[in-house]
Amino acid sequence: PFVNLQAIDNISSNIQFSVIQVGGNSVFETYNLSTKNSLTDGANNYSFGGRYTLGTADRVGDDGKVQTVESARNWDANIRYDRDLNKTVSVFSQIQYEGDKFAGIDQRENYDVGGKYAVILKEKEKLLTEAGYRFTVERQVSAKTSDDVDRANKVRLYVEYSRKFENSVSTVFWVEYLPNFTESEDYIINFEPSMAMTLSELLSLKLAYRGIYDNRPAIAGNKNLDYTYTTTLIASF
């Protein structure tokens, strides 16, 4: 459907950025940048966003010289369309691209369709659920050619609970379960609890812990759980 600019109800953008720098006996830097943008046109909702994390650290090489090497690099980008059927029920489609060098994922493409239901829909409290089908095309870092990919049929189950408090504090917890019908042992669980504190009309401070549990990592011997703890400054407008 085309966007009717005269009927647009809401446009919003959210940008999050954090930097960690350590010097002295240990030298490393970590940068986190993410954005989420949305547009509402009546019953039509459009959103797009992305996330990028880069970590570097200084190491002493075999030649005795200090070298700067990557310690983390992962990213994702997505675009999504929702259509409201009524106040609590909607349908959606989504395309997501993601990668994680140190988890062995060069690029993963996710194609989603499904439905969304609001169990609780209050001004200061929400409980949202989503369920749908996901088709995944994945190329691992170890792939020898660009055509060396894995394809999988999955189900996506998602739950999100959010609560706003009187003292300008809000909390969000979401969990996403991705069972794999093509390879039953290769399931993934993503989750994130977070808390945000409003500093002004524009800025907020967010504390978050994000976990990714991969039951069968792309690199044999890797740990099942990757996690990121961040303290982030958020600009919303």
C-alpha atoms as a PDB file:
ATOM      1  CA  PRO A   1       0.000   0.000   0.000  1.00  0.00           C
ATOM      2  CA  PHE A   2       1.088   3.552  -0.751  1.00  0.00           C
ATOM      3  CA  VAL A   3       1.626   6.037   2.064  1.00  0.00           C
ATOM      4  CA  ASN A   4      -0.880   8.875   2.262  1.00  0.00           C
ATOM      5  CA  LEU A   5       1.277  11.720   3.548  1.00  0.00           C
ATOM      6  CA  GLN A   6      -1.758  13.778   4.510  1.00  0.00           C
ATOM      7  CA  ALA A   7      -3.064  10.969   6.751  1.00  0.00           C
ATOM      8  CA  ILE A   8       0.143  10.164   8.603  1.00  0.00           C
ATOM      9  CA  ASP A   9      -0.584   9.916  12.329  1.00  0.00           C
ATOM     10  CA  ASN A  10       2.897   9.601  13.714  1.00  0.00           C
ATOM     11  CA  ILE A  11       6.558   9.578  12.731  1.00  0.00           C
ATOM     12  CA  SER A  12       9.149   8.663  15.347  1.00  0.00           C
ATOM     13  CA  SER A  13      12.870   7.975  15.500  1.00  0.00           C
ATOM     14  CA  ASN A  14      15.002   6.439  18.204  1.00  0.00           C
ATOM     15  CA  ILE A  15      18.818   6.536  18.140  1.00  0.00           C
ATOM     16  CA  GLN A  16      21.023   4.768  20.697  1.00  0.00           C
ATOM     17  CA  PHE A  17      24.786   5.186  20.998  1.00  0.00           C
ATOM     18  CA  SER A  18      27.364   4.029  23.518  1.00  0.00           C
ATOM     19  CA  VAL A  19      31.173   3.986  23.708  1.00  0.00           C
ATOM     20  CA  ILE A  20      33.451   2.098  26.096  1.00  0.00           C
ATOM     21  CA  GLN A  21      37.142   3.014  26.142  1.00  0.00           C
ATOM     22  CA  VAL A  22      39.727   1.493  28.483  1.00  0.00           C
ATOM     23  CA  GLY A  23      43.426   2.462  28.620  1.00  0.00           C
ATOM     24  CA  GLY A  24      46.494   1.712  30.641  1.00  0.00           C
ATOM     25  CA  ASN A  25      47.452  -1.927  31.186  1.00  0.00           C
ATOM     26  CA  SER A  26      44.537  -3.004  28.992  1.00  0.00           C
ATOM     27  CA  VAL A  27      43.500  -1.063  25.903  1.00  0.00           C
ATOM     28  CA  PHE A  28      40.203  -1.741  24.174  1.00  0.00           C
ATOM     29  CA  GLU A  29      37.268   0.133  22.682  1.00  0.00           C
ATOM     30  CA  THR A  30      33.671  -0.890  22.013  1.00  0.00           C
ATOM     31  CA  TYR A  31      31.129   1.072  19.979  1.00  0.00           C
ATOM     32  CA  ASN A  32      27.395   0.352  19.846  1.00  0.00           C
ATOM     33  CA  LEU A  33      24.997   2.176  17.517  1.00  0.00           C
ATOM     34  CA  SER A  34      21.353   1.340  16.856  1.00  0.00           C
ATOM     35  CA  THR A  35      18.331   3.089  15.391  1.00  0.00           C
ATOM     36  CA  LYS A  36      14.623   2.406  15.033  1.00  0.00           C
ATOM     37  CA  ASN A  37      12.281   4.509  12.909  1.00  0.00           C
ATOM     38  CA  SER A  38       8.541   4.145  12.458  1.00  0.00           C
ATOM     39  CA  LEU A  39       5.722   5.708  10.498  1.00  0.00           C
ATOM     40  CA  THR A  40       1.980   5.229  11.053  1.00  0.00           C
ATOM     41  CA  ASP A  41      -0.536   5.802   8.287  1.00  0.00           C
ATOM     42  CA  GLY A  42      -3.970   4.854   9.615  1.00  0.00           C
ATOM     43  CA  ALA A  43      -3.992   1.059   9.977  1.00  0.00           C
ATOM     44  CA  ASN A  44      -0.632   0.763   8.211  1.00  0.00           C
ATOM     45  CA  ASN A  45       2.583   0.784  10.230  1.00  0.00           C
ATOM     46  CA  TYR A  46       6.041   0.910   8.668  1.00  0.00           C
ATOM     47  CA  SER A  47       9.327   0.563  10.527  1.00  0.00           C
ATOM     48  CA  PHE A  48      12.996   0.139   9.735  1.00  0.00           C
ATOM     49  CA  GLY A  49      16.163   0.126  11.763  1.00  0.00           C
ATOM     50  CA  GLY A  50      19.483  -1.477  12.453  1.00  0.00           C
ATOM     51  CA  ARG A  51      22.262  -2.130  14.922  1.00  0.00           C
ATOM     52  CA  TYR A  52      26.075  -2.210  14.685  1.00  0.00           C
ATOM     53  CA  THR A  53      28.652  -3.224  17.291  1.00  0.00           C
ATOM     54  CA  LEU A  54      32.426  -2.979  16.856  1.00  0.00           C
ATOM     55  CA  GLY A  55      35.059  -3.878  19.429  1.00  0.00           C
ATOM     56  CA  THR A  56      38.836  -3.523  19.149  1.00  0.00           C
ATOM     57  CA  ALA A  57      41.671  -4.384  21.504  1.00  0.00           C
ATOM     58  CA  ASP A  58      45.455  -3.934  21.594  1.00  0.00           C
ATOM     59  CA  ARG A  59      47.475  -7.146  21.616  1.00  0.00           C
ATOM     60  CA  VAL A  60      51.227  -7.788  21.630  1.00  0.00           C
ATOM     61  CA  GLY A  61      52.149  -9.817  18.556  1.00  0.00           C
ATOM     62  CA  ASP A  62      54.822 -12.465  18.176  1.00  0.00           C
ATOM     63  CA  ASP A  63      57.214  -9.756  16.975  1.00  0.00           C
ATOM     64  CA  GLY A  64      56.730  -7.821  20.231  1.00  0.00           C
ATOM     65  CA  LYS A  65      54.830  -4.995  18.565  1.00  0.00           C
ATOM     66  CA  VAL A  66      51.408  -3.816  19.701  1.00  0.00           C
ATOM     67  CA  GLN A  67      48.668  -4.576  17.194  1.00  0.00           C
ATOM     68  CA  THR A  68      45.047  -3.438  17.182  1.00  0.00           C
ATOM     69  CA  VAL A  69      42.731  -6.369  16.446  1.00  0.00           C
ATOM     70  CA  GLU A  70      38.955  -6.760  16.280  1.00  0.00           C
ATOM     71  CA  SER A  71      37.364  -8.391  19.306  1.00  0.00           C
ATOM     72  CA  ALA A  72      33.698  -8.032  18.278  1.00  0.00           C
ATOM     73  CA  ARG A  73      31.752  -7.165  15.143  1.00  0.00           C
ATOM     74  CA  ASN A  74      28.051  -7.828  14.630  1.00  0.00           C
ATOM     75  CA  TRP A  75      25.213  -6.024  12.877  1.00  0.00           C
ATOM     76  CA  ASP A  76      21.637  -6.251  11.672  1.00  0.00           C
ATOM     77  CA  ALA A  77      19.241  -4.245   9.505  1.00  0.00           C
ATOM     78  CA  ASN A  78      15.502  -4.740   9.100  1.00  0.00           C
ATOM     79  CA  ILE A  79      12.377  -3.368   7.483  1.00  0.00           C
ATOM     80  CA  ARG A  80       8.864  -4.296   8.620  1.00  0.00           C
ATOM     81  CA  TYR A  81       5.220  -3.684   7.673  1.00  0.00           C
ATOM     82  CA  ASP A  82       2.259  -4.130  10.077  1.00  0.00           C
ATOM     83  CA  ARG A  83      -1.431  -3.939   9.223  1.00  0.00           C
ATOM     84  CA  ASP A  84      -3.866  -3.417  12.113  1.00  0.00           C
ATOM     85  CA  LEU A  85      -7.001  -5.556  11.848  1.00  0.00           C
ATOM     86  CA  ASN A  86      -8.496  -4.145  15.044  1.00  0.00           C
ATOM     87  CA  LYS A  87      -7.248  -2.606  18.281  1.00  0.00           C
ATOM     88  CA  THR A  88      -5.482  -5.763  19.512  1.00  0.00           C
ATOM     89  CA  VAL A  89      -4.787  -7.879  16.407  1.00  0.00           C
ATOM     90  CA  SER A  90      -2.480  -7.172  13.459  1.00  0.00           C
ATOM     91  CA  VAL A  91      -0.512  -9.020  10.786  1.00  0.00           C
ATOM     92  CA  PHE A  92       3.056  -8.313   9.728  1.00  0.00           C
ATOM     93  CA  SER A  93       5.832  -9.107   7.279  1.00  0.00           C
ATOM     94  CA  GLN A  94       9.519  -8.440   7.851  1.00  0.00           C
ATOM     95  CA  ILE A  95      12.919  -8.764   6.193  1.00  0.00           C
ATOM     96  CA  GLN A  96      16.068  -8.823   8.315  1.00  0.00           C
ATOM     97  CA  TYR A  97      19.761  -9.068   7.446  1.00  0.00           C
ATOM     98  CA  GLU A  98      22.310  -9.834  10.146  1.00  0.00           C
ATOM     99  CA  GLY A  99      25.893 -10.960  10.659  1.00  0.00           C
ATOM    100  CA  ASP A 100      28.295 -11.823  13.459  1.00  0.00           C
ATOM    101  CA  LYS A 101      31.936 -12.451  12.515  1.00  0.00           C
ATOM    102  CA  PHE A 102      32.972 -14.078  15.789  1.00  0.00           C
ATOM    103  CA  ALA A 103      29.879 -16.288  15.909  1.00  0.00           C
ATOM    104  CA  GLY A 104      30.765 -17.557  12.431  1.00  0.00           C
ATOM    105  CA  ILE A 105      27.870 -15.866  10.597  1.00  0.00           C
ATOM    106  CA  ASP A 106      28.943 -13.917   7.502  1.00  0.00           C
ATOM    107  CA  GLN A 107      25.345 -13.013   6.572  1.00  0.00           C
ATOM    108  CA  ARG A 108      21.953 -14.336   7.587  1.00  0.00           C
ATOM    109  CA  GLU A 109      18.746 -13.339   5.804  1.00  0.00           C
ATOM    110  CA  ASN A 110      15.425 -13.766   7.644  1.00  0.00           C
ATOM    111  CA  TYR A 111      12.019 -13.472   5.937  1.00  0.00           C
ATOM    112  CA  ASP A 112       9.037 -13.330   8.326  1.00  0.00           C
ATOM    113  CA  VAL A 113       5.254 -13.346   8.084  1.00  0.00           C
ATOM    114  CA  GLY A 114       2.884 -13.687  11.008  1.00  0.00           C
ATOM    115  CA  GLY A 115       0.404 -12.171  13.409  1.00  0.00           C
ATOM    116  CA  LYS A 116       0.531  -9.995  16.510  1.00  0.00           C
ATOM    117  CA  TYR A 117      -1.843  -9.931  19.494  1.00  0.00           C
ATOM    118  CA  ALA A 118      -1.935  -7.418  22.366  1.00  0.00           C
ATOM    119  CA  VAL A 119      -2.805  -9.282  25.570  1.00  0.00           C
ATOM    120  CA  ILE A 120      -2.511  -6.092  27.666  1.00  0.00           C
ATOM    121  CA  LEU A 121      -2.795  -2.693  26.011  1.00  0.00           C
ATOM    122  CA  LYS A 122      -2.805   0.090  28.578  1.00  0.00           C
ATOM    123  CA  GLU A 123      -1.164   3.501  28.577  1.00  0.00           C
ATOM    124  CA  LYS A 124       1.551   2.441  31.031  1.00  0.00           C
ATOM    125  CA  GLU A 125       1.547  -1.332  30.629  1.00  0.00           C
ATOM    126  CA  LYS A 126       1.687  -3.577  27.551  1.00  0.00           C
ATOM    127  CA  LEU A 127       1.999  -7.295  26.898  1.00  0.00           C
ATOM    128  CA  LEU A 128       2.466  -8.156  23.225  1.00  0.00           C
ATOM    129  CA  THR A 129       2.795 -11.548  21.546  1.00  0.00           C
ATOM    130  CA  GLU A 130       3.812 -12.490  18.000  1.00  0.00           C
ATOM    131  CA  ALA A 131       3.852 -15.786  16.123  1.00  0.00           C
ATOM    132  CA  GLY A 132       4.774 -16.541  12.542  1.00  0.00           C
ATOM    133  CA  TYR A 133       6.816 -18.390   9.930  1.00  0.00           C
ATOM    134  CA  ARG A 134      10.468 -17.591   9.184  1.00  0.00           C
ATOM    135  CA  PHE A 135      12.570 -18.639   6.199  1.00  0.00           C
ATOM    136  CA  THR A 136      16.320 -18.250   6.760  1.00  0.00           C
ATOM    137  CA  VAL A 137      19.208 -18.172   4.292  1.00  0.00           C
ATOM    138  CA  GLU A 138      22.570 -18.289   6.055  1.00  0.00           C
ATOM    139  CA  ARG A 139      26.143 -18.031   4.775  1.00  0.00           C
ATOM    140  CA  GLN A 140      28.803 -18.816   7.322  1.00  0.00           C
ATOM    141  CA  VAL A 141      32.258 -17.249   7.582  1.00  0.00           C
ATOM    142  CA  SER A 142      33.747 -20.629   6.668  1.00  0.00           C
ATOM    143  CA  ALA A 143      31.809 -20.794   3.376  1.00  0.00           C
ATOM    144  CA  LYS A 144      34.113 -21.309   0.383  1.00  0.00           C
ATOM    145  CA  THR A 145      31.826 -19.613  -2.187  1.00  0.00           C
ATOM    146  CA  SER A 146      28.944 -17.133  -2.109  1.00  0.00           C
ATOM    147  CA  ASP A 147      26.603 -19.978  -3.157  1.00  0.00           C
ATOM    148  CA  ASP A 148      27.559 -22.094  -0.137  1.00  0.00           C
ATOM    149  CA  VAL A 149      24.512 -21.339   2.028  1.00  0.00           C
ATOM    150  CA  ASP A 150      22.155 -23.094   4.428  1.00  0.00           C
ATOM    151  CA  ARG A 151      18.380 -22.727   4.161  1.00  0.00           C
ATOM    152  CA  ALA A 152      15.984 -23.410   7.013  1.00  0.00           C
ATOM    153  CA  ASN A 153      12.282 -23.284   7.838  1.00  0.00           C
ATOM    154  CA  LYS A 154      11.561 -21.900  11.283  1.00  0.00           C
ATOM    155  CA  VAL A 155       8.777 -20.688  13.548  1.00  0.00           C
ATOM    156  CA  ARG A 156       9.164 -17.361  15.331  1.00  0.00           C
ATOM    157  CA  LEU A 157       7.553 -16.899  18.760  1.00  0.00           C
ATOM    158  CA  TYR A 158       7.965 -13.532  20.495  1.00  0.00           C
ATOM    159  CA  VAL A 159       6.712 -12.026  23.780  1.00  0.00           C
ATOM    160  CA  GLU A 160       7.322  -8.470  25.035  1.00  0.00           C
ATOM    161  CA  TYR A 161       6.257  -6.907  28.341  1.00  0.00           C
ATOM    162  CA  SER A 162       6.732  -3.207  29.086  1.00  0.00           C
ATOM    163  CA  ARG A 163       5.835  -1.011  32.056  1.00  0.00           C
ATOM    164  CA  LYS A 164       6.133   2.722  32.723  1.00  0.00           C
ATOM    165  CA  PHE A 165       6.429   4.051  36.265  1.00  0.00           C
ATOM    166  CA  GLU A 166       5.610   7.439  37.745  1.00  0.00           C
ATOM    167  CA  ASN A 167       9.250   8.400  38.396  1.00  0.00           C
ATOM    168  CA  SER A 168      10.211   8.582  34.686  1.00  0.00           C
ATOM    169  CA  VAL A 169      11.484   4.994  34.731  1.00  0.00           C
ATOM    170  CA  SER A 170      10.343   2.316  32.294  1.00  0.00           C
ATOM    171  CA  THR A 171      11.221  -1.345  31.899  1.00  0.00           C
ATOM    172  CA  VAL A 172      10.997  -3.722  28.941  1.00  0.00           C
ATOM    173  CA  PHE A 173      11.580  -7.457  28.756  1.00  0.00           C
ATOM    174  CA  TRP A 174      11.327  -9.441  25.531  1.00  0.00           C
ATOM    175  CA  VAL A 175      12.164 -12.998  24.547  1.00  0.00           C
ATOM    176  CA  GLU A 176      12.232 -14.576  21.083  1.00  0.00           C
ATOM    177  CA  TYR A 177      12.236 -18.339  20.429  1.00  0.00           C
ATOM    178  CA  LEU A 178      13.220 -19.677  16.996  1.00  0.00           C
ATOM    179  CA  PRO A 179      12.733 -23.451  16.657  1.00  0.00           C
ATOM    180  CA  ASN A 180      14.209 -24.890  13.458  1.00  0.00           C
ATOM    181  CA  PHE A 181      12.107 -27.436  11.544  1.00  0.00           C
ATOM    182  CA  THR A 182      14.902 -28.187   9.063  1.00  0.00           C
ATOM    183  CA  GLU A 183      17.510 -28.911  11.782  1.00  0.00           C
ATOM    184  CA  SER A 184      15.679 -29.510  15.051  1.00  0.00           C
ATOM    185  CA  GLU A 185      18.789 -29.091  17.223  1.00  0.00           C
ATOM    186  CA  ASP A 186      19.681 -25.713  15.694  1.00  0.00           C
ATOM    187  CA  TYR A 187      17.291 -23.505  17.674  1.00  0.00           C
ATOM    188  CA  ILE A 188      17.980 -19.961  18.916  1.00  0.00           C
ATOM    189  CA  ILE A 189      16.658 -18.005  21.910  1.00  0.00           C
ATOM    190  CA  ASN A 190      17.131 -14.224  22.034  1.00  0.00           C
ATOM    191  CA  PHE A 191      16.200 -12.121  25.079  1.00  0.00           C
ATOM    192  CA  GLU A 192      16.725  -8.686  26.581  1.00  0.00           C
ATOM    193  CA  PRO A 193      15.673  -7.104  29.888  1.00  0.00           C
ATOM    194  CA  SER A 194      16.207  -3.343  29.983  1.00  0.00           C
ATOM    195  CA  MET A 195      15.460  -0.249  32.061  1.00  0.00           C
ATOM    196  CA  ALA A 196      15.332   3.337  30.797  1.00  0.00           C
ATOM    197  CA  MET A 197      15.378   6.584  32.782  1.00  0.00           C
ATOM    198  CA  THR A 198      14.106   9.798  31.209  1.00  0.00           C
ATOM    199  CA  LEU A 199      16.607  12.664  31.403  1.00  0.00           C
ATOM    200  CA  SER A 200      14.686  15.179  29.287  1.00  0.00           C
ATOM    201  CA  GLU A 201      12.052  15.296  26.554  1.00  0.00           C
ATOM    202  CA  LEU A 202      14.731  14.238  24.081  1.00  0.00           C
ATOM    203  CA  LEU A 203      17.226  12.121  26.022  1.00  0.00           C
ATOM    204  CA  SER A 204      17.043   8.945  28.091  1.00  0.00           C
ATOM    205  CA  LEU A 205      19.577   6.621  29.697  1.00  0.00           C
ATOM    206  CA  LYS A 206      19.134   2.886  29.090  1.00  0.00           C
ATOM    207  CA  LEU A 207      20.620  -0.122  30.876  1.00  0.00           C
ATOM    208  CA  ALA A 208      20.247  -3.411  29.019  1.00  0.00           C
ATOM    209  CA  TYR A 209      21.448  -6.996  28.960  1.00  0.00           C
ATOM    210  CA  ARG A 210      21.005  -8.786  25.630  1.00  0.00           C
ATOM    211  CA  GLY A 211      21.547 -12.525  25.294  1.00  0.00           C
ATOM    212  CA  ILE A 212      21.671 -14.815  22.257  1.00  0.00           C
ATOM    213  CA  TYR A 213      21.545 -18.550  22.981  1.00  0.00           C
ATOM    214  CA  ASP A 214      22.429 -20.677  19.948  1.00  0.00           C
ATOM    215  CA  ASN A 215      21.974 -24.373  20.668  1.00  0.00           C
ATOM    216  CA  ARG A 216      24.285 -25.290  17.759  1.00  0.00           C
ATOM    217  CA  PRO A 217      26.861 -22.541  17.099  1.00  0.00           C
ATOM    218  CA  ALA A 218      28.189 -22.058  13.573  1.00  0.00           C
ATOM    219  CA  ILE A 219      31.756 -22.518  14.872  1.00  0.00           C
ATOM    220  CA  ALA A 220      32.323 -25.851  16.612  1.00  0.00           C
ATOM    221  CA  GLY A 221      33.524 -25.329  20.164  1.00  0.00           C
ATOM    222  CA  ASN A 222      32.010 -21.850  20.535  1.00  0.00           C
ATOM    223  CA  LYS A 223      29.972 -21.127  23.652  1.00  0.00           C
ATOM    224  CA  ASN A 224      26.211 -21.351  23.266  1.00  0.00           C
ATOM    225  CA  LEU A 225      25.513 -17.981  24.915  1.00  0.00           C
ATOM    226  CA  ASP A 226      26.678 -14.605  23.606  1.00  0.00           C
ATOM    227  CA  TYR A 227      25.697 -11.586  25.673  1.00  0.00           C
ATOM    228  CA  THR A 228      26.100  -7.830  25.664  1.00  0.00           C
ATOM    229  CA  TYR A 229      25.611  -5.493  28.625  1.00  0.00           C
ATOM    230  CA  THR A 230      25.229  -1.842  27.625  1.00  0.00           C
ATOM    231  CA  THR A 231      24.687   1.568  29.192  1.00  0.00           C
ATOM    232  CA  THR A 232      23.313   3.698  26.374  1.00  0.00           C
ATOM    233  CA  LEU A 233      22.262   7.275  25.734  1.00  0.00           C
ATOM    234  CA  ILE A 234      19.004   7.415  23.741  1.00  0.00           C
ATOM    235  CA  ALA A 235      17.750  10.292  21.613  1.00  0.00           C
ATOM    236  CA  SER A 236      14.027  10.060  20.724  1.00  0.00           C
ATOM    237  CA  PHE A 237      12.151  12.468  18.482  1.00  0.00           C
END
